[in-house]
Amino acid sequence: MDIISVRDFSKEQVEEILSSAEKMEKKIGETQSSGKVVATLFFEPSTRTKLSFQTAASRLGMRYIDFFGEWSSLKKGESFTDTIKNIDGYVDIIVMRHPKEGSAKLASMIAEAPVVNGGDGGNQHPTQALLDLYTIKKLKGKIKGLNFNLVGDLKHARTMQSLMYMLAMFGAKVKLTSPRGLEMDPELVREVKEKFNAEIEENDKMDVEGVDILYACRIQKERFADPYEAMSVQKKFAIGMENLKGAKDDLAIMHPLPKVGEVDLEIDHTPYAKYFEQSKNGVPTRMAVLDYVLKHR
């Protein structure tokens, strides 16, 4: 099975992966051996997604081969298609990140091995959404009925698009807070409202009253034509201690990372900050993902 989009999953499949992630977390540290090989093809920079997939593979007793586009035959003019065809002959799973939307889907049409999307442009990041759900269930014990506020650049953030879909699938209440012009794709909002009868509210002012999970994302300056506009938006939607007045005592602040000024460093030292724990949960969740795609080939 390929994992390209959150739309690839039913609720039951997501629950199966989350249950597997819980079991995987308990197995971390055990010696395992599988003989399988994973390729991590990252055409875009990454820290957490790439390293957690490599760690997940290692924890499962798999080996991984790494790929750096700038050191590959792409620099000699080799096509994307030929690159995928060649690597497909070496491995059992391909994990890929690419700056172009739809690239993971194209790779899945070329390769015989399962392809896992580690982020394609501003489109999808399904395994981030899975680890986010796993984190939320660990923190709160449930997802249904919780109040979420997704804050920041919702237009370009693939993480937010994948997460909103899955939150709606599980019956959460979602508020979307973004600067004007950087709102969530209206077609996606309409889709999840119709498909899941989701409660979704949109505004351009941050509010933490009654919020269980405040989920922030960085302003993706690399996707802005004007860097000064990106800096202005970042400052306006930065989260500081003053923004948390009236927040619930058990408010959890999450972030896919890297955070680059949109969350005050002071918050790192408060019980609100859950983003480093969230990042750590990438390993058992991606262990579960790798195991899942092999079982469902």
C-alpha atoms as a PDB file:
ATOM      1  CA  MET A   1       0.000   0.000   0.000  1.00  0.00           C
ATOM      2  CA  ASP A   2       1.207   3.488  -0.855  1.00  0.00           C
ATOM      3  CA  ILE A   3       0.638   6.335   1.604  1.00  0.00           C
ATOM      4  CA  ILE A   4       0.307   9.465  -0.481  1.00  0.00           C
ATOM      5  CA  SER A   5      -2.576  11.407   1.076  1.00  0.00           C
ATOM      6  CA  VAL A   6      -4.739  11.383   4.182  1.00  0.00           C
ATOM      7  CA  ARG A   7      -7.564  10.566   1.779  1.00  0.00           C
ATOM      8  CA  ASP A   8      -5.976   7.123   1.342  1.00  0.00           C
ATOM      9  CA  PHE A   9      -7.181   6.163   4.825  1.00  0.00           C
ATOM     10  CA  SER A  10     -10.431   5.095   6.367  1.00  0.00           C
ATOM     11  CA  LYS A  11     -10.962   5.868  10.043  1.00  0.00           C
ATOM     12  CA  GLU A  12     -10.462   2.175  10.820  1.00  0.00           C
ATOM     13  CA  GLN A  13      -7.100   2.135   9.053  1.00  0.00           C
ATOM     14  CA  VAL A  14      -5.929   5.192  10.994  1.00  0.00           C
ATOM     15  CA  GLU A  15      -6.982   3.558  14.257  1.00  0.00           C
ATOM     16  CA  GLU A  16      -5.048   0.430  13.266  1.00  0.00           C
ATOM     17  CA  ILE A  17      -1.873   2.454  12.701  1.00  0.00           C
ATOM     18  CA  LEU A  18      -2.304   4.397  15.961  1.00  0.00           C
ATOM     19  CA  SER A  19      -2.794   1.147  17.873  1.00  0.00           C
ATOM     20  CA  SER A  20       0.310  -0.275  16.195  1.00  0.00           C
ATOM     21  CA  ALA A  21       2.293   2.861  17.103  1.00  0.00           C
ATOM     22  CA  GLU A  22       1.448   2.314  20.768  1.00  0.00           C
ATOM     23  CA  LYS A  23       2.791  -1.238  20.549  1.00  0.00           C
ATOM     24  CA  MET A  24       5.853  -0.076  18.636  1.00  0.00           C
ATOM     25  CA  GLU A  25       6.703   2.483  21.311  1.00  0.00           C
ATOM     26  CA  LYS A  26       6.827  -0.306  23.881  1.00  0.00           C
ATOM     27  CA  LYS A  27       9.165  -2.318  21.652  1.00  0.00           C
ATOM     28  CA  ILE A  28      11.731   0.436  21.206  1.00  0.00           C
ATOM     29  CA  GLY A  29      15.067  -0.926  22.393  1.00  0.00           C
ATOM     30  CA  GLU A  30      14.313  -4.536  21.505  1.00  0.00           C
ATOM     31  CA  THR A  31      16.583  -6.201  18.968  1.00  0.00           C
ATOM     32  CA  GLN A  32      14.791  -6.801  15.676  1.00  0.00           C
ATOM     33  CA  SER A  33      15.875  -7.981  12.245  1.00  0.00           C
ATOM     34  CA  SER A  34      13.854  -7.869   9.047  1.00  0.00           C
ATOM     35  CA  GLY A  35      16.269  -7.802   6.111  1.00  0.00           C
ATOM     36  CA  LYS A  36      14.178  -5.060   4.468  1.00  0.00           C
ATOM     37  CA  VAL A  37      15.675  -1.884   3.001  1.00  0.00           C
ATOM     38  CA  VAL A  38      14.114   1.583   3.009  1.00  0.00           C
ATOM     39  CA  ALA A  39      15.189   4.446   0.733  1.00  0.00           C
ATOM     40  CA  THR A  40      14.831   7.968   2.088  1.00  0.00           C
ATOM     41  CA  LEU A  41      14.587  10.223  -0.965  1.00  0.00           C
ATOM     42  CA  PHE A  42      14.487  13.811   0.218  1.00  0.00           C
ATOM     43  CA  PHE A  43      14.608  16.411  -2.533  1.00  0.00           C
ATOM     44  CA  GLU A  44      13.823  19.078   0.091  1.00  0.00           C
ATOM     45  CA  PRO A  45      15.498  19.789   3.455  1.00  0.00           C
ATOM     46  CA  SER A  46      14.241  17.836   6.460  1.00  0.00           C
ATOM     47  CA  THR A  47      15.328  17.061   9.993  1.00  0.00           C
ATOM     48  CA  ARG A  48      12.493  15.327  11.869  1.00  0.00           C
ATOM     49  CA  THR A  49      10.727  13.506   9.050  1.00  0.00           C
ATOM     50  CA  LYS A  50      13.896  12.126   7.506  1.00  0.00           C
ATOM     51  CA  LEU A  51      15.701  11.202  10.713  1.00  0.00           C
ATOM     52  CA  SER A  52      12.615   9.734  12.383  1.00  0.00           C
ATOM     53  CA  PHE A  53      11.954   7.527   9.341  1.00  0.00           C
ATOM     54  CA  GLN A  54      15.585   6.398   9.362  1.00  0.00           C
ATOM     55  CA  THR A  55      15.396   5.763  13.105  1.00  0.00           C
ATOM     56  CA  ALA A  56      12.079   3.936  12.683  1.00  0.00           C
ATOM     57  CA  ALA A  57      13.619   1.694  10.025  1.00  0.00           C
ATOM     58  CA  SER A  58      16.616   0.978  12.254  1.00  0.00           C
ATOM     59  CA  ARG A  59      14.377   0.226  15.249  1.00  0.00           C
ATOM     60  CA  LEU A  60      12.504  -2.317  13.107  1.00  0.00           C
ATOM     61  CA  GLY A  61      15.760  -4.005  12.132  1.00  0.00           C
ATOM     62  CA  MET A  62      15.644  -2.604   8.603  1.00  0.00           C
ATOM     63  CA  ARG A  63      18.455  -0.886   6.771  1.00  0.00           C
ATOM     64  CA  TYR A  64      18.092   2.403   4.969  1.00  0.00           C
ATOM     65  CA  ILE A  65      19.864   4.006   2.063  1.00  0.00           C
ATOM     66  CA  ASP A  66      20.010   7.769   1.912  1.00  0.00           C
ATOM     67  CA  PHE A  67      19.676  10.075  -1.067  1.00  0.00           C
ATOM     68  CA  PHE A  68      20.922  13.602  -1.628  1.00  0.00           C
ATOM     69  CA  GLY A  69      19.641  15.191  -4.814  1.00  0.00           C
ATOM     70  CA  GLU A  70      22.539  17.616  -5.104  1.00  0.00           C
ATOM     71  CA  TRP A  71      25.017  14.703  -5.076  1.00  0.00           C
ATOM     72  CA  SER A  72      23.051  12.462  -7.408  1.00  0.00           C
ATOM     73  CA  SER A  73      22.785  11.939 -11.162  1.00  0.00           C
ATOM     74  CA  LEU A  74      19.988  14.501 -11.199  1.00  0.00           C
ATOM     75  CA  LYS A  75      22.863  16.983 -11.460  1.00  0.00           C
ATOM     76  CA  LYS A  76      23.871  15.228 -14.674  1.00  0.00           C
ATOM     77  CA  GLY A  77      20.400  15.583 -16.128  1.00  0.00           C
ATOM     78  CA  GLU A  78      18.845  12.276 -15.104  1.00  0.00           C
ATOM     79  CA  SER A  79      15.049  12.449 -15.061  1.00  0.00           C
ATOM     80  CA  PHE A  80      12.881  12.048 -11.976  1.00  0.00           C
ATOM     81  CA  THR A  81      11.288   8.975 -13.581  1.00  0.00           C
ATOM     82  CA  ASP A  82      14.628   7.263 -14.180  1.00  0.00           C
ATOM     83  CA  THR A  83      15.783   8.099 -10.647  1.00  0.00           C
ATOM     84  CA  ILE A  84      12.694   6.455  -9.148  1.00  0.00           C
ATOM     85  CA  LYS A  85      12.943   3.411 -11.447  1.00  0.00           C
ATOM     86  CA  ASN A  86      16.540   2.802 -10.455  1.00  0.00           C
ATOM     87  CA  ILE A  87      16.037   3.203  -6.717  1.00  0.00           C
ATOM     88  CA  ASP A  88      12.912   1.051  -6.880  1.00  0.00           C
ATOM     89  CA  GLY A  89      15.157  -1.818  -7.925  1.00  0.00           C
ATOM     90  CA  TYR A  90      17.217  -1.532  -4.746  1.00  0.00           C
ATOM     91  CA  VAL A  91      14.684  -1.287  -1.908  1.00  0.00           C
ATOM     92  CA  ASP A  92      11.463  -2.514  -0.317  1.00  0.00           C
ATOM     93  CA  ILE A  93       9.974   0.888   0.621  1.00  0.00           C
ATOM     94  CA  ILE A  94      10.517   4.405  -0.722  1.00  0.00           C
ATOM     95  CA  VAL A  95       9.987   7.368   1.608  1.00  0.00           C
ATOM     96  CA  MET A  96      10.058  10.600  -0.345  1.00  0.00           C
ATOM     97  CA  ARG A  97       9.836  14.358   0.112  1.00  0.00           C
ATOM     98  CA  HIS A  98       9.691  16.660  -2.886  1.00  0.00           C
ATOM     99  CA  PRO A  99       8.944  20.377  -3.387  1.00  0.00           C
ATOM    100  CA  LYS A 100       6.459  19.720  -6.208  1.00  0.00           C
ATOM    101  CA  GLU A 101       2.857  18.814  -5.436  1.00  0.00           C
ATOM    102  CA  GLY A 102       1.862  15.462  -6.877  1.00  0.00           C
ATOM    103  CA  SER A 103       5.422  14.138  -6.998  1.00  0.00           C
ATOM    104  CA  ALA A 104       4.737  11.367  -4.469  1.00  0.00           C
ATOM    105  CA  LYS A 105       1.720  10.223  -6.473  1.00  0.00           C
ATOM    106  CA  LEU A 106       3.838  10.152  -9.633  1.00  0.00           C
ATOM    107  CA  ALA A 107       6.538   8.136  -7.857  1.00  0.00           C
ATOM    108  CA  SER A 108       3.914   5.618  -6.695  1.00  0.00           C
ATOM    109  CA  MET A 109       2.824   5.142 -10.312  1.00  0.00           C
ATOM    110  CA  ILE A 110       6.421   4.441 -11.356  1.00  0.00           C
ATOM    111  CA  ALA A 111       7.659   2.285  -8.485  1.00  0.00           C
ATOM    112  CA  GLU A 112       6.655  -1.255  -7.590  1.00  0.00           C
ATOM    113  CA  ALA A 113       7.752  -0.757  -3.990  1.00  0.00           C
ATOM    114  CA  PRO A 114       5.338   1.080  -1.655  1.00  0.00           C
ATOM    115  CA  VAL A 115       5.838   4.854  -1.645  1.00  0.00           C
ATOM    116  CA  VAL A 116       5.320   6.893   1.539  1.00  0.00           C
ATOM    117  CA  ASN A 117       4.851  10.626   1.100  1.00  0.00           C
ATOM    118  CA  GLY A 118       7.103  12.600   3.440  1.00  0.00           C
ATOM    119  CA  GLY A 119       5.651  15.882   2.125  1.00  0.00           C
ATOM    120  CA  ASP A 120       4.979  17.063  -1.413  1.00  0.00           C
ATOM    121  CA  GLY A 121       5.099  20.831  -1.792  1.00  0.00           C
ATOM    122  CA  GLY A 122       2.163  22.539  -0.070  1.00  0.00           C
ATOM    123  CA  ASN A 123      -0.068  19.539  -0.665  1.00  0.00           C
ATOM    124  CA  GLN A 124       0.061  16.649   1.819  1.00  0.00           C
ATOM    125  CA  HIS A 125       2.050  15.295   4.767  1.00  0.00           C
ATOM    126  CA  PRO A 126       0.064  12.248   5.890  1.00  0.00           C
ATOM    127  CA  THR A 127       2.546  10.705   8.330  1.00  0.00           C
ATOM    128  CA  GLN A 128       2.841  14.023  10.199  1.00  0.00           C
ATOM    129  CA  ALA A 129      -0.929  13.985  10.661  1.00  0.00           C
ATOM    130  CA  LEU A 130      -0.713  10.425  11.964  1.00  0.00           C
ATOM    131  CA  LEU A 131       1.950  11.273  14.536  1.00  0.00           C
ATOM    132  CA  ASP A 132      -0.071  14.340  15.523  1.00  0.00           C
ATOM    133  CA  LEU A 133      -3.131  12.177  16.199  1.00  0.00           C
ATOM    134  CA  TYR A 134      -0.983   9.736  18.149  1.00  0.00           C
ATOM    135  CA  THR A 135       0.363  12.605  20.267  1.00  0.00           C
ATOM    136  CA  ILE A 136      -3.119  14.009  20.885  1.00  0.00           C
ATOM    137  CA  LYS A 137      -4.465  10.634  21.992  1.00  0.00           C
ATOM    138  CA  LYS A 138      -1.530  10.233  24.389  1.00  0.00           C
ATOM    139  CA  LEU A 139      -2.099  13.725  25.809  1.00  0.00           C
ATOM    140  CA  LYS A 140      -5.881  13.813  25.944  1.00  0.00           C
ATOM    141  CA  GLY A 141      -7.028  10.211  25.629  1.00  0.00           C
ATOM    142  CA  LYS A 142      -9.371  11.109  22.776  1.00  0.00           C
ATOM    143  CA  ILE A 143      -9.840  13.335  19.733  1.00  0.00           C
ATOM    144  CA  LYS A 144     -13.598  13.535  19.320  1.00  0.00           C
ATOM    145  CA  GLY A 145     -15.124  16.663  20.865  1.00  0.00           C
ATOM    146  CA  LEU A 146     -11.801  18.398  21.539  1.00  0.00           C
ATOM    147  CA  ASN A 147     -11.435  22.049  20.537  1.00  0.00           C
ATOM    148  CA  PHE A 148      -8.535  22.806  18.201  1.00  0.00           C
ATOM    149  CA  ASN A 149      -7.178  26.100  16.949  1.00  0.00           C
ATOM    150  CA  LEU A 150      -4.886  25.769  13.922  1.00  0.00           C
ATOM    151  CA  VAL A 151      -2.872  28.982  13.641  1.00  0.00           C
ATOM    152  CA  GLY A 152      -0.597  30.439  10.978  1.00  0.00           C
ATOM    153  CA  ASP A 153       0.006  30.107   7.278  1.00  0.00           C
ATOM    154  CA  LEU A 154      -2.753  27.643   6.446  1.00  0.00           C
ATOM    155  CA  LYS A 155      -2.495  28.204   2.711  1.00  0.00           C
ATOM    156  CA  HIS A 156       0.975  26.728   2.242  1.00  0.00           C
ATOM    157  CA  ALA A 157       1.204  24.351   5.219  1.00  0.00           C
ATOM    158  CA  ARG A 158       0.786  20.761   4.027  1.00  0.00           C
ATOM    159  CA  THR A 159       0.837  19.668   7.676  1.00  0.00           C
ATOM    160  CA  MET A 160      -2.247  21.738   8.482  1.00  0.00           C
ATOM    161  CA  GLN A 161      -4.177  20.487   5.466  1.00  0.00           C
ATOM    162  CA  SER A 162      -3.541  16.839   6.323  1.00  0.00           C
ATOM    163  CA  LEU A 163      -4.235  17.406  10.015  1.00  0.00           C
ATOM    164  CA  MET A 164      -7.526  19.240   9.511  1.00  0.00           C
ATOM    165  CA  TYR A 165      -8.828  16.390   7.374  1.00  0.00           C
ATOM    166  CA  MET A 166      -8.014  13.791  10.024  1.00  0.00           C
ATOM    167  CA  LEU A 167      -9.332  15.915  12.889  1.00  0.00           C
ATOM    168  CA  ALA A 168     -12.619  16.232  11.020  1.00  0.00           C
ATOM    169  CA  MET A 169     -12.619  12.470  10.412  1.00  0.00           C
ATOM    170  CA  PHE A 170     -12.392  11.899  14.182  1.00  0.00           C
ATOM    171  CA  GLY A 171     -15.056  14.435  15.176  1.00  0.00           C
ATOM    172  CA  ALA A 172     -12.940  17.272  16.570  1.00  0.00           C
ATOM    173  CA  LYS A 173     -14.059  20.911  16.563  1.00  0.00           C
ATOM    174  CA  VAL A 174     -11.649  23.038  14.556  1.00  0.00           C
ATOM    175  CA  LYS A 175     -11.000  26.767  14.426  1.00  0.00           C
ATOM    176  CA  LEU A 176      -8.796  28.009  11.586  1.00  0.00           C
ATOM    177  CA  THR A 177      -6.864  31.197  12.363  1.00  0.00           C
ATOM    178  CA  SER A 178      -4.784  32.753   9.622  1.00  0.00           C
ATOM    179  CA  PRO A 179      -3.805  36.091   8.101  1.00  0.00           C
ATOM    180  CA  ARG A 180      -5.996  37.329   5.292  1.00  0.00           C
ATOM    181  CA  GLY A 181      -4.841  35.784   2.050  1.00  0.00           C
ATOM    182  CA  LEU A 182      -3.297  32.775   3.811  1.00  0.00           C
ATOM    183  CA  GLU A 183      -6.515  30.944   4.635  1.00  0.00           C
ATOM    184  CA  MET A 184      -7.008  27.203   4.309  1.00  0.00           C
ATOM    185  CA  ASP A 185      -8.000  26.032   0.842  1.00  0.00           C
ATOM    186  CA  PRO A 186     -11.778  26.701   0.731  1.00  0.00           C
ATOM    187  CA  GLU A 187     -12.363  23.555  -1.335  1.00  0.00           C
ATOM    188  CA  LEU A 188     -10.730  21.441   1.379  1.00  0.00           C
ATOM    189  CA  VAL A 189     -12.798  23.143   4.091  1.00  0.00           C
ATOM    190  CA  ARG A 190     -15.967  22.492   2.110  1.00  0.00           C
ATOM    191  CA  GLU A 191     -14.937  18.875   1.496  1.00  0.00           C
ATOM    192  CA  VAL A 192     -14.426  18.006   5.166  1.00  0.00           C
ATOM    193  CA  LYS A 193     -17.598  19.807   6.217  1.00  0.00           C
ATOM    194  CA  GLU A 194     -19.642  17.801   3.735  1.00  0.00           C
ATOM    195  CA  LYS A 195     -17.854  14.475   4.210  1.00  0.00           C
ATOM    196  CA  PHE A 196     -17.597  14.445   8.007  1.00  0.00           C
ATOM    197  CA  ASN A 197     -20.245  17.016   9.014  1.00  0.00           C
ATOM    198  CA  ALA A 198     -17.354  18.795  10.697  1.00  0.00           C
ATOM    199  CA  GLU A 199     -17.589  21.878  12.913  1.00  0.00           C
ATOM    200  CA  ILE A 200     -15.106  24.324  11.385  1.00  0.00           C
ATOM    201  CA  GLU A 201     -14.827  28.044  12.131  1.00  0.00           C
ATOM    202  CA  GLU A 202     -12.547  30.495  10.321  1.00  0.00           C
ATOM    203  CA  ASN A 203     -11.203  33.853  11.542  1.00  0.00           C
ATOM    204  CA  ASP A 204      -8.106  36.043  11.476  1.00  0.00           C
ATOM    205  CA  LYS A 205      -7.689  36.706  15.219  1.00  0.00           C
ATOM    206  CA  MET A 206      -6.034  34.350  17.674  1.00  0.00           C
ATOM    207  CA  ASP A 207      -8.208  33.101  20.511  1.00  0.00           C
ATOM    208  CA  VAL A 208      -7.339  30.449  23.120  1.00  0.00           C
ATOM    209  CA  GLU A 209     -10.552  30.522  25.164  1.00  0.00           C
ATOM    210  CA  GLY A 210     -11.851  26.976  25.545  1.00  0.00           C
ATOM    211  CA  VAL A 211      -9.110  25.584  23.285  1.00  0.00           C
ATOM    212  CA  ASP A 212      -7.667  22.151  24.112  1.00  0.00           C
ATOM    213  CA  ILE A 213      -4.956  22.076  21.439  1.00  0.00           C
ATOM    214  CA  LEU A 214      -3.322  25.186  19.974  1.00  0.00           C
ATOM    215  CA  TYR A 215      -1.478  24.019  16.884  1.00  0.00           C
ATOM    216  CA  ALA A 216       0.896  26.546  15.328  1.00  0.00           C
ATOM    217  CA  CYS A 217       2.939  26.332  12.161  1.00  0.00           C
ATOM    218  CA  ARG A 218       5.732  28.447  10.787  1.00  0.00           C
ATOM    219  CA  ILE A 219       5.270  31.027   8.080  1.00  0.00           C
ATOM    220  CA  GLN A 220       6.794  29.282   5.071  1.00  0.00           C
ATOM    221  CA  LYS A 221       8.963  32.100   3.772  1.00  0.00           C
ATOM    222  CA  GLU A 222      10.310  29.917   0.963  1.00  0.00           C
ATOM    223  CA  ARG A 223       6.811  29.822  -0.562  1.00  0.00           C
ATOM    224  CA  PHE A 224       6.381  33.634  -0.471  1.00  0.00           C
ATOM    225  CA  ALA A 225       7.301  35.827  -3.422  1.00  0.00           C
ATOM    226  CA  ASP A 226       7.966  38.740  -1.034  1.00  0.00           C
ATOM    227  CA  PRO A 227      10.156  37.876   2.024  1.00  0.00           C
ATOM    228  CA  TYR A 228       9.166  41.127   3.786  1.00  0.00           C
ATOM    229  CA  GLU A 229       5.519  40.113   3.645  1.00  0.00           C
ATOM    230  CA  ALA A 230       6.433  36.781   5.207  1.00  0.00           C
ATOM    231  CA  MET A 231       8.303  38.500   8.068  1.00  0.00           C
ATOM    232  CA  SER A 232       5.368  40.842   8.727  1.00  0.00           C
ATOM    233  CA  VAL A 233       2.912  37.963   8.904  1.00  0.00           C
ATOM    234  CA  GLN A 234       5.220  35.984  11.168  1.00  0.00           C
ATOM    235  CA  LYS A 235       5.418  38.785  13.727  1.00  0.00           C
ATOM    236  CA  LYS A 236       1.647  39.323  13.719  1.00  0.00           C
ATOM    237  CA  PHE A 237       0.864  35.670  14.381  1.00  0.00           C
ATOM    238  CA  ALA A 238       3.660  34.856  16.816  1.00  0.00           C
ATOM    239  CA  ILE A 239       2.478  33.186  20.031  1.00  0.00           C
ATOM    240  CA  GLY A 240       3.769  34.680  23.269  1.00  0.00           C
ATOM    241  CA  MET A 241       2.784  34.293  26.905  1.00  0.00           C
ATOM    242  CA  GLU A 242       0.460  37.297  26.551  1.00  0.00           C
ATOM    243  CA  ASN A 243      -1.586  35.330  23.990  1.00  0.00           C
ATOM    244  CA  LEU A 244      -2.222  32.581  26.523  1.00  0.00           C
ATOM    245  CA  LYS A 245      -4.173  34.657  29.048  1.00  0.00           C
ATOM    246  CA  GLY A 246      -7.411  32.860  29.770  1.00  0.00           C
ATOM    247  CA  ALA A 247      -6.105  29.566  28.388  1.00  0.00           C
ATOM    248  CA  LYS A 248      -7.136  26.279  29.954  1.00  0.00           C
ATOM    249  CA  ASP A 249      -4.629  24.918  32.466  1.00  0.00           C
ATOM    250  CA  ASP A 250      -4.175  21.799  30.363  1.00  0.00           C
ATOM    251  CA  LEU A 251      -3.843  23.605  27.029  1.00  0.00           C
ATOM    252  CA  ALA A 252      -1.367  21.770  24.786  1.00  0.00           C
ATOM    253  CA  ILE A 253       0.645  23.726  22.217  1.00  0.00           C
ATOM    254  CA  MET A 254       1.784  21.654  19.265  1.00  0.00           C
ATOM    255  CA  HIS A 255       3.961  22.519  16.292  1.00  0.00           C
ATOM    256  CA  PRO A 256       5.321  20.353  13.429  1.00  0.00           C
ATOM    257  CA  LEU A 257       8.694  22.148  13.716  1.00  0.00           C
ATOM    258  CA  PRO A 258      10.941  23.848  12.883  1.00  0.00           C
ATOM    259  CA  LYS A 259       9.628  26.843  14.771  1.00  0.00           C
ATOM    260  CA  VAL A 260      11.241  30.052  13.618  1.00  0.00           C
ATOM    261  CA  GLY A 261       9.975  32.843  15.832  1.00  0.00           C
ATOM    262  CA  GLU A 262       6.265  31.991  15.783  1.00  0.00           C
ATOM    263  CA  VAL A 263       6.381  30.525  19.316  1.00  0.00           C
ATOM    264  CA  ASP A 264       8.159  32.512  22.028  1.00  0.00           C
ATOM    265  CA  LEU A 265      11.115  30.653  23.554  1.00  0.00           C
ATOM    266  CA  GLU A 266       9.646  31.290  27.003  1.00  0.00           C
ATOM    267  CA  ILE A 267       6.818  28.883  26.172  1.00  0.00           C
ATOM    268  CA  ASP A 268       9.347  26.041  25.738  1.00  0.00           C
ATOM    269  CA  HIS A 269       9.725  25.987  29.521  1.00  0.00           C
ATOM    270  CA  THR A 270       6.018  25.799  30.340  1.00  0.00           C
ATOM    271  CA  PRO A 271       3.710  22.768  30.655  1.00  0.00           C
ATOM    272  CA  TYR A 272       1.906  24.045  27.546  1.00  0.00           C
ATOM    273  CA  ALA A 273       4.771  23.084  25.232  1.00  0.00           C
ATOM    274  CA  LYS A 274       4.239  19.627  23.749  1.00  0.00           C
ATOM    275  CA  TYR A 275       6.053  19.966  20.425  1.00  0.00           C
ATOM    276  CA  PHE A 276       9.251  18.177  21.427  1.00  0.00           C
ATOM    277  CA  GLU A 277       7.219  15.262  22.762  1.00  0.00           C
ATOM    278  CA  GLN A 278       5.266  15.418  19.503  1.00  0.00           C
ATOM    279  CA  SER A 279       8.499  15.183  17.519  1.00  0.00           C
ATOM    280  CA  LYS A 280       9.643  12.179  19.551  1.00  0.00           C
ATOM    281  CA  ASN A 281       6.388  10.403  18.731  1.00  0.00           C
ATOM    282  CA  GLY A 282       7.428  10.449  15.084  1.00  0.00           C
ATOM    283  CA  VAL A 283       9.549   7.342  15.641  1.00  0.00           C
ATOM    284  CA  PRO A 284       6.903   4.867  16.914  1.00  0.00           C
ATOM    285  CA  THR A 285       4.329   6.282  14.504  1.00  0.00           C
ATOM    286  CA  ARG A 286       6.615   5.884  11.512  1.00  0.00           C
ATOM    287  CA  MET A 287       7.620   2.419  12.733  1.00  0.00           C
ATOM    288  CA  ALA A 288       3.923   1.611  12.544  1.00  0.00           C
ATOM    289  CA  VAL A 289       3.679   3.164   9.074  1.00  0.00           C
ATOM    290  CA  LEU A 290       6.600   1.139   7.679  1.00  0.00           C
ATOM    291  CA  ASP A 291       5.205  -2.037   9.201  1.00  0.00           C
ATOM    292  CA  TYR A 292       1.746  -1.236   7.820  1.00  0.00           C
ATOM    293  CA  VAL A 293       2.802  -0.677   4.208  1.00  0.00           C
ATOM    294  CA  LEU A 294       4.770  -3.931   4.166  1.00  0.00           C
ATOM    295  CA  LYS A 295       1.838  -5.900   5.572  1.00  0.00           C
ATOM    296  CA  HIS A 296      -0.554  -4.380   3.028  1.00  0.00           C
ATOM    297  CA  ARG A 297       1.557  -4.638  -0.143  1.00  0.00           C
END
